[in-house]
Amino acid sequence: MPASSMHLRILLPYRVFADEDQLQELVVESVAGSYGFLPNRLDCVLPLVPGILSYRSAEQQERYVAIDQGILVKTGREIGVSVRRAIGGVDLGRLEHAVEQEFSTIDERESNVRGAMAKLESDFIRRYMELHHG
């Protein structure tokens, strides 16, 4: 029997951010672009990028959540979204600003840290090789 609605659960590393039932529609941003989900969409796993997740309830109420990168898993009528950070609200302009400011800044810092770690690792390997072959 086809599903008539979906159940969404947004999970953060330390708590459940949202648990919504009776959804009619969901839209998220992935590495391949924007994806929409209706109740009878096939099951899937989707990597998410920082952006705006939007959903519409049975009462036709549209809601928006700014999310960081993560993963979405759809099985039957259940949709699980696991992300590092999320910000809820109804003002779309503020949420887009939050994605640009908070999530992008943190990603830039993480990129810098990863670059420094890669340099340390390569220096360590080079020196190790010099000691054993020198």
N, C-alpha and C. Protein backbone atom coordinates (compact mmCIF):
# COMPACT_ATOMS: atom_id res chain seq x y z
N MET A 1 0.85 -1.19 0.00
CA MET A 1 0.00 0.00 0.00
C MET A 1 0.89 1.25 0.00
N PRO A 2 0.67 2.18 -0.92
CA PRO A 2 1.50 3.38 -0.99
C PRO A 2 1.35 4.25 0.26
N ALA A 3 2.45 4.88 0.63
CA ALA A 3 2.44 5.79 1.79
C ALA A 3 1.76 7.09 1.42
N SER A 4 1.04 7.68 2.37
CA SER A 4 0.37 8.94 2.10
C SER A 4 1.09 10.12 2.74
N SER A 5 2.07 9.83 3.61
CA SER A 5 2.85 10.89 4.24
C SER A 5 4.21 10.32 4.65
N MET A 6 5.09 11.20 5.11
CA MET A 6 6.43 10.79 5.52
C MET A 6 6.68 11.21 6.96
N HIS A 7 7.65 10.55 7.58
CA HIS A 7 8.07 10.87 8.94
C HIS A 7 9.54 11.30 8.86
N LEU A 8 9.86 12.50 9.33
CA LEU A 8 11.21 13.06 9.27
C LEU A 8 11.81 13.13 10.66
N ARG A 9 13.04 12.70 10.76
CA ARG A 9 13.79 12.84 12.00
C ARG A 9 15.15 13.43 11.63
N ILE A 10 15.46 14.62 12.20
CA ILE A 10 16.76 15.27 11.99
C ILE A 10 17.59 15.03 13.24
N LEU A 11 18.72 14.37 13.05
CA LEU A 11 19.60 13.99 14.17
C LEU A 11 20.89 14.80 14.14
N LEU A 12 21.25 15.34 15.30
CA LEU A 12 22.53 15.99 15.51
C LEU A 12 23.41 15.02 16.30
N PRO A 13 24.71 15.26 16.40
CA PRO A 13 25.57 14.32 17.14
C PRO A 13 25.16 14.15 18.60
N TYR A 14 24.50 15.13 19.19
CA TYR A 14 24.21 15.10 20.61
C TYR A 14 22.73 15.10 20.97
N ARG A 15 21.83 15.18 19.97
CA ARG A 15 20.41 15.19 20.27
C ARG A 15 19.56 15.07 19.00
N VAL A 16 18.26 14.85 19.22
CA VAL A 16 17.30 14.86 18.11
C VAL A 16 16.86 16.31 17.92
N PHE A 17 17.11 16.86 16.75
CA PHE A 17 16.79 18.25 16.47
C PHE A 17 15.31 18.41 16.13
N ALA A 18 14.79 17.49 15.32
CA ALA A 18 13.39 17.57 14.90
C ALA A 18 12.83 16.18 14.69
N ASP A 19 11.57 16.02 15.01
CA ASP A 19 10.85 14.77 14.81
C ASP A 19 9.46 15.14 14.31
N GLU A 20 9.27 15.11 13.00
CA GLU A 20 8.04 15.60 12.38
C GLU A 20 7.33 14.46 11.64
N ASP A 21 6.03 14.39 11.80
CA ASP A 21 5.24 13.36 11.14
C ASP A 21 4.23 14.02 10.19
N GLN A 22 3.68 13.21 9.32
CA GLN A 22 2.63 13.64 8.37
C GLN A 22 3.15 14.66 7.36
N LEU A 23 4.39 14.48 6.88
CA LEU A 23 4.93 15.39 5.87
C LEU A 23 4.45 14.97 4.49
N GLN A 24 4.20 15.97 3.66
CA GLN A 24 3.75 15.73 2.29
C GLN A 24 4.88 15.91 1.28
N GLU A 25 5.90 16.69 1.67
CA GLU A 25 6.96 17.03 0.72
C GLU A 25 8.20 17.45 1.49
N LEU A 26 9.38 17.12 0.94
CA LEU A 26 10.66 17.48 1.54
C LEU A 26 11.63 17.81 0.42
N VAL A 27 12.43 18.88 0.60
CA VAL A 27 13.43 19.27 -0.39
C VAL A 27 14.75 19.52 0.33
N VAL A 28 15.85 18.92 -0.18
CA VAL A 28 17.18 19.08 0.41
C VAL A 28 18.20 19.37 -0.69
N GLU A 29 19.36 19.87 -0.27
CA GLU A 29 20.47 20.12 -1.19
C GLU A 29 21.50 19.00 -1.03
N SER A 30 21.91 18.41 -2.15
CA SER A 30 22.92 17.36 -2.12
C SER A 30 24.11 17.77 -2.98
N VAL A 31 25.11 16.92 -3.02
CA VAL A 31 26.27 17.21 -3.85
C VAL A 31 25.91 17.25 -5.33
N ALA A 32 24.80 16.63 -5.71
CA ALA A 32 24.37 16.60 -7.10
C ALA A 32 23.25 17.60 -7.40
N GLY A 33 22.91 18.45 -6.44
CA GLY A 33 21.86 19.44 -6.65
C GLY A 33 20.70 19.24 -5.69
N SER A 34 19.60 19.88 -6.00
CA SER A 34 18.42 19.85 -5.14
C SER A 34 17.60 18.59 -5.39
N TYR A 35 17.15 17.94 -4.32
CA TYR A 35 16.33 16.74 -4.43
C TYR A 35 15.02 16.94 -3.68
N GLY A 36 13.94 16.53 -4.31
CA GLY A 36 12.63 16.58 -3.68
C GLY A 36 12.14 15.18 -3.36
N PHE A 37 11.44 15.06 -2.24
CA PHE A 37 10.90 13.78 -1.81
C PHE A 37 9.41 13.90 -1.61
N LEU A 38 8.68 12.95 -2.18
CA LEU A 38 7.25 12.80 -1.95
C LEU A 38 7.06 11.44 -1.25
N PRO A 39 5.90 11.18 -0.66
CA PRO A 39 5.73 9.96 0.13
C PRO A 39 6.08 8.65 -0.58
N ASN A 40 5.90 8.55 -1.87
CA ASN A 40 6.14 7.28 -2.55
C ASN A 40 7.46 7.20 -3.30
N ARG A 41 8.37 8.09 -3.02
CA ARG A 41 9.69 8.05 -3.67
C ARG A 41 10.42 6.79 -3.24
N LEU A 42 11.23 6.25 -4.13
CA LEU A 42 12.01 5.05 -3.81
C LEU A 42 12.99 5.32 -2.68
N ASP A 43 13.36 4.28 -1.96
CA ASP A 43 14.33 4.38 -0.89
C ASP A 43 15.69 4.78 -1.46
N CYS A 44 16.45 5.54 -0.65
CA CYS A 44 17.76 5.98 -1.12
C CYS A 44 18.62 6.48 0.03
N VAL A 45 19.90 6.68 -0.27
CA VAL A 45 20.86 7.31 0.63
C VAL A 45 21.44 8.48 -0.15
N LEU A 46 21.52 9.66 0.49
CA LEU A 46 21.93 10.86 -0.22
C LEU A 46 22.88 11.70 0.63
N PRO A 47 24.10 11.98 0.13
CA PRO A 47 24.99 12.89 0.88
C PRO A 47 24.50 14.32 0.74
N LEU A 48 24.48 15.05 1.86
CA LEU A 48 23.95 16.41 1.87
C LEU A 48 25.08 17.43 2.01
N VAL A 49 24.86 18.61 1.45
CA VAL A 49 25.79 19.73 1.58
C VAL A 49 25.12 20.80 2.45
N PRO A 50 25.89 21.73 3.00
CA PRO A 50 25.25 22.81 3.77
C PRO A 50 24.22 23.55 2.91
N GLY A 51 23.06 23.75 3.46
CA GLY A 51 21.99 24.42 2.72
C GLY A 51 20.71 24.46 3.52
N ILE A 52 19.62 24.67 2.81
CA ILE A 52 18.30 24.78 3.43
C ILE A 52 17.50 23.52 3.14
N LEU A 53 17.01 22.89 4.19
CA LEU A 53 16.08 21.77 4.08
C LEU A 53 14.69 22.37 4.27
N SER A 54 13.77 22.07 3.38
CA SER A 54 12.40 22.58 3.54
C SER A 54 11.44 21.40 3.49
N TYR A 55 10.35 21.53 4.25
CA TYR A 55 9.33 20.50 4.22
C TYR A 55 7.96 21.13 4.42
N ARG A 56 6.96 20.39 3.93
CA ARG A 56 5.58 20.85 4.01
C ARG A 56 4.77 19.79 4.75
N SER A 57 4.03 20.22 5.75
CA SER A 57 3.22 19.31 6.56
C SER A 57 1.86 19.08 5.91
N ALA A 58 1.10 18.18 6.51
CA ALA A 58 -0.25 17.90 6.01
C ALA A 58 -1.14 19.13 6.07
N GLU A 59 -0.85 20.06 7.00
CA GLU A 59 -1.62 21.30 7.12
C GLU A 59 -1.15 22.35 6.13
N GLN A 60 -0.30 21.96 5.19
CA GLN A 60 0.26 22.85 4.16
C GLN A 60 1.17 23.92 4.73
N GLN A 61 1.71 23.70 5.91
CA GLN A 61 2.62 24.66 6.52
C GLN A 61 4.05 24.37 6.07
N GLU A 62 4.70 25.37 5.49
CA GLU A 62 6.08 25.23 4.99
C GLU A 62 7.05 25.59 6.11
N ARG A 63 8.08 24.76 6.31
CA ARG A 63 9.09 25.01 7.33
C ARG A 63 10.46 24.87 6.71
N TYR A 64 11.42 25.61 7.31
CA TYR A 64 12.78 25.63 6.79
C TYR A 64 13.76 25.36 7.93
N VAL A 65 14.83 24.61 7.59
CA VAL A 65 15.91 24.33 8.54
C VAL A 65 17.22 24.47 7.80
N ALA A 66 18.12 25.30 8.35
CA ALA A 66 19.47 25.38 7.79
C ALA A 66 20.25 24.19 8.33
N ILE A 67 20.88 23.43 7.43
CA ILE A 67 21.63 22.25 7.85
C ILE A 67 23.05 22.31 7.33
N ASP A 68 23.94 21.67 8.07
CA ASP A 68 25.32 21.51 7.66
C ASP A 68 25.41 20.22 6.83
N GLN A 69 26.60 19.88 6.38
CA GLN A 69 26.74 18.65 5.61
C GLN A 69 26.36 17.44 6.44
N GLY A 70 25.92 16.39 5.78
CA GLY A 70 25.50 15.19 6.47
C GLY A 70 25.01 14.15 5.49
N ILE A 71 24.06 13.34 5.95
CA ILE A 71 23.53 12.26 5.11
C ILE A 71 22.04 12.10 5.36
N LEU A 72 21.32 11.74 4.30
CA LEU A 72 19.89 11.47 4.37
C LEU A 72 19.68 10.01 3.99
N VAL A 73 18.84 9.32 4.76
CA VAL A 73 18.47 7.93 4.45
C VAL A 73 16.95 7.85 4.43
N LYS A 74 16.40 7.39 3.29
CA LYS A 74 14.95 7.21 3.18
C LYS A 74 14.65 5.72 3.05
N THR A 75 13.82 5.22 3.95
CA THR A 75 13.34 3.83 3.90
C THR A 75 11.84 3.84 4.17
N GLY A 76 11.08 3.45 3.18
CA GLY A 76 9.63 3.50 3.31
C GLY A 76 9.17 4.92 3.51
N ARG A 77 8.38 5.14 4.55
CA ARG A 77 7.91 6.50 4.84
C ARG A 77 8.83 7.24 5.79
N GLU A 78 9.89 6.58 6.26
CA GLU A 78 10.83 7.17 7.22
C GLU A 78 11.99 7.87 6.50
N ILE A 79 12.27 9.11 6.90
CA ILE A 79 13.41 9.85 6.39
C ILE A 79 14.26 10.27 7.59
N GLY A 80 15.50 9.80 7.61
CA GLY A 80 16.44 10.18 8.66
C GLY A 80 17.50 11.09 8.08
N VAL A 81 17.71 12.22 8.70
CA VAL A 81 18.74 13.17 8.27
C VAL A 81 19.71 13.32 9.44
N SER A 82 20.97 13.00 9.20
CA SER A 82 22.00 13.12 10.23
C SER A 82 22.99 14.19 9.78
N VAL A 83 23.09 15.28 10.57
CA VAL A 83 23.95 16.40 10.23
C VAL A 83 24.73 16.85 11.46
N ARG A 84 25.80 17.60 11.22
CA ARG A 84 26.61 18.10 12.34
C ARG A 84 25.94 19.26 13.07
N ARG A 85 25.30 20.16 12.32
CA ARG A 85 24.65 21.32 12.91
C ARG A 85 23.36 21.61 12.16
N ALA A 86 22.38 22.21 12.86
CA ALA A 86 21.12 22.62 12.25
C ALA A 86 20.59 23.84 12.99
N ILE A 87 19.93 24.72 12.22
CA ILE A 87 19.31 25.92 12.79
C ILE A 87 17.90 25.98 12.25
N GLY A 88 16.91 26.02 13.14
CA GLY A 88 15.52 26.06 12.72
C GLY A 88 15.00 27.48 12.65
N GLY A 89 13.91 27.64 11.94
CA GLY A 89 13.27 28.96 11.85
C GLY A 89 12.40 29.05 10.63
N VAL A 90 11.65 30.11 10.56
CA VAL A 90 10.76 30.29 9.41
C VAL A 90 11.23 31.41 8.49
N ASP A 91 12.15 32.26 8.95
CA ASP A 91 12.65 33.35 8.13
C ASP A 91 13.75 32.82 7.22
N LEU A 92 13.40 32.60 5.97
CA LEU A 92 14.31 32.00 5.01
C LEU A 92 15.57 32.84 4.80
N GLY A 93 15.44 34.15 4.79
CA GLY A 93 16.59 35.04 4.60
C GLY A 93 17.62 34.87 5.70
N ARG A 94 17.18 34.79 6.94
CA ARG A 94 18.10 34.60 8.07
C ARG A 94 18.78 33.24 8.01
N LEU A 95 18.03 32.23 7.61
CA LEU A 95 18.61 30.89 7.53
C LEU A 95 19.67 30.81 6.44
N GLU A 96 19.42 31.41 5.28
CA GLU A 96 20.42 31.42 4.22
C GLU A 96 21.68 32.15 4.68
N HIS A 97 21.50 33.24 5.40
CA HIS A 97 22.63 33.98 5.94
C HIS A 97 23.41 33.11 6.93
N ALA A 98 22.70 32.36 7.77
CA ALA A 98 23.35 31.48 8.74
C ALA A 98 24.17 30.41 8.04
N VAL A 99 23.65 29.85 6.97
CA VAL A 99 24.40 28.84 6.22
C VAL A 99 25.68 29.45 5.68
N GLU A 100 25.57 30.62 5.07
CA GLU A 100 26.74 31.27 4.49
C GLU A 100 27.77 31.64 5.57
N GLN A 101 27.32 32.22 6.66
CA GLN A 101 28.22 32.71 7.70
C GLN A 101 28.79 31.60 8.57
N GLU A 102 27.93 30.86 9.23
CA GLU A 102 28.38 29.89 10.23
C GLU A 102 28.99 28.64 9.62
N PHE A 103 28.26 28.00 8.71
CA PHE A 103 28.73 26.72 8.19
C PHE A 103 29.93 26.90 7.26
N SER A 104 29.94 27.93 6.43
CA SER A 104 31.06 28.15 5.51
C SER A 104 32.32 28.53 6.27
N THR A 105 32.21 29.37 7.30
CA THR A 105 33.37 29.78 8.09
C THR A 105 33.99 28.59 8.78
N ILE A 106 33.18 27.75 9.36
CA ILE A 106 33.70 26.56 10.04
C ILE A 106 34.35 25.62 9.04
N ASP A 107 33.74 25.44 7.88
CA ASP A 107 34.32 24.57 6.87
C ASP A 107 35.67 25.10 6.40
N GLU A 108 35.81 26.44 6.32
CA GLU A 108 37.08 27.03 5.93
C GLU A 108 38.15 26.75 6.98
N ARG A 109 37.78 26.87 8.26
CA ARG A 109 38.72 26.56 9.34
C ARG A 109 39.12 25.10 9.31
N GLU A 110 38.14 24.22 9.12
CA GLU A 110 38.43 22.79 9.05
C GLU A 110 39.36 22.49 7.89
N SER A 111 39.17 23.14 6.77
CA SER A 111 40.04 22.95 5.61
C SER A 111 41.47 23.37 5.93
N ASN A 112 41.62 24.49 6.63
CA ASN A 112 42.96 24.94 7.03
C ASN A 112 43.63 23.94 7.97
N VAL A 113 42.86 23.41 8.92
CA VAL A 113 43.40 22.42 9.85
C VAL A 113 43.80 21.16 9.11
N ARG A 114 42.97 20.71 8.19
CA ARG A 114 43.30 19.51 7.40
C ARG A 114 44.58 19.72 6.60
N GLY A 115 44.74 20.91 6.03
CA GLY A 115 45.96 21.20 5.27
C GLY A 115 47.19 21.16 6.15
N ALA A 116 47.08 21.73 7.34
CA ALA A 116 48.21 21.71 8.28
C ALA A 116 48.53 20.29 8.71
N MET A 117 47.50 19.48 8.97
CA MET A 117 47.72 18.08 9.36
C MET A 117 48.37 17.29 8.23
N ALA A 118 47.96 17.52 7.01
CA ALA A 118 48.55 16.82 5.87
C ALA A 118 50.03 17.17 5.73
N LYS A 119 50.36 18.45 5.96
CA LYS A 119 51.76 18.87 5.90
C LYS A 119 52.57 18.20 7.01
N LEU A 120 52.04 18.15 8.23
CA LEU A 120 52.72 17.48 9.33
C LEU A 120 52.93 16.00 9.04
N GLU A 121 51.92 15.35 8.49
CA GLU A 121 52.04 13.93 8.17
C GLU A 121 53.10 13.69 7.11
N SER A 122 53.10 14.51 6.06
CA SER A 122 54.09 14.31 5.01
C SER A 122 55.50 14.60 5.51
N ASP A 123 55.68 15.62 6.37
CA ASP A 123 56.99 15.89 6.98
C ASP A 123 57.44 14.72 7.85
N PHE A 124 56.53 14.16 8.63
CA PHE A 124 56.86 13.02 9.48
C PHE A 124 57.32 11.84 8.64
N ILE A 125 56.57 11.52 7.57
CA ILE A 125 56.93 10.39 6.71
C ILE A 125 58.27 10.62 6.04
N ARG A 126 58.51 11.86 5.56
CA ARG A 126 59.79 12.17 4.90
C ARG A 126 60.95 11.98 5.88
N ARG A 127 60.81 12.49 7.09
CA ARG A 127 61.88 12.36 8.09
C ARG A 127 62.06 10.91 8.52
N TYR A 128 61.00 10.18 8.64
CA TYR A 128 61.10 8.77 8.99
C TYR A 128 61.87 8.01 7.92
N MET A 129 61.56 8.30 6.67
CA MET A 129 62.26 7.64 5.57
C MET A 129 63.74 8.02 5.54
N GLU A 130 64.06 9.27 5.85
CA GLU A 130 65.45 9.71 5.91
C GLU A 130 66.21 8.97 7.00
N LEU A 131 65.60 8.75 8.14
CA LEU A 131 66.26 8.04 9.24
C LEU A 131 66.53 6.57 8.89
N HIS A 132 65.59 5.93 8.22
CA HIS A 132 65.74 4.51 7.91
C HIS A 132 66.57 4.25 6.66
N HIS A 133 66.67 5.20 5.79
CA HIS A 133 67.41 5.01 4.53
C HIS A 133 68.64 5.90 4.45
N GLY A 134 68.89 6.71 5.44
CA GLY A 134 69.98 7.66 5.38
C GLY A 134 71.16 7.24 6.11
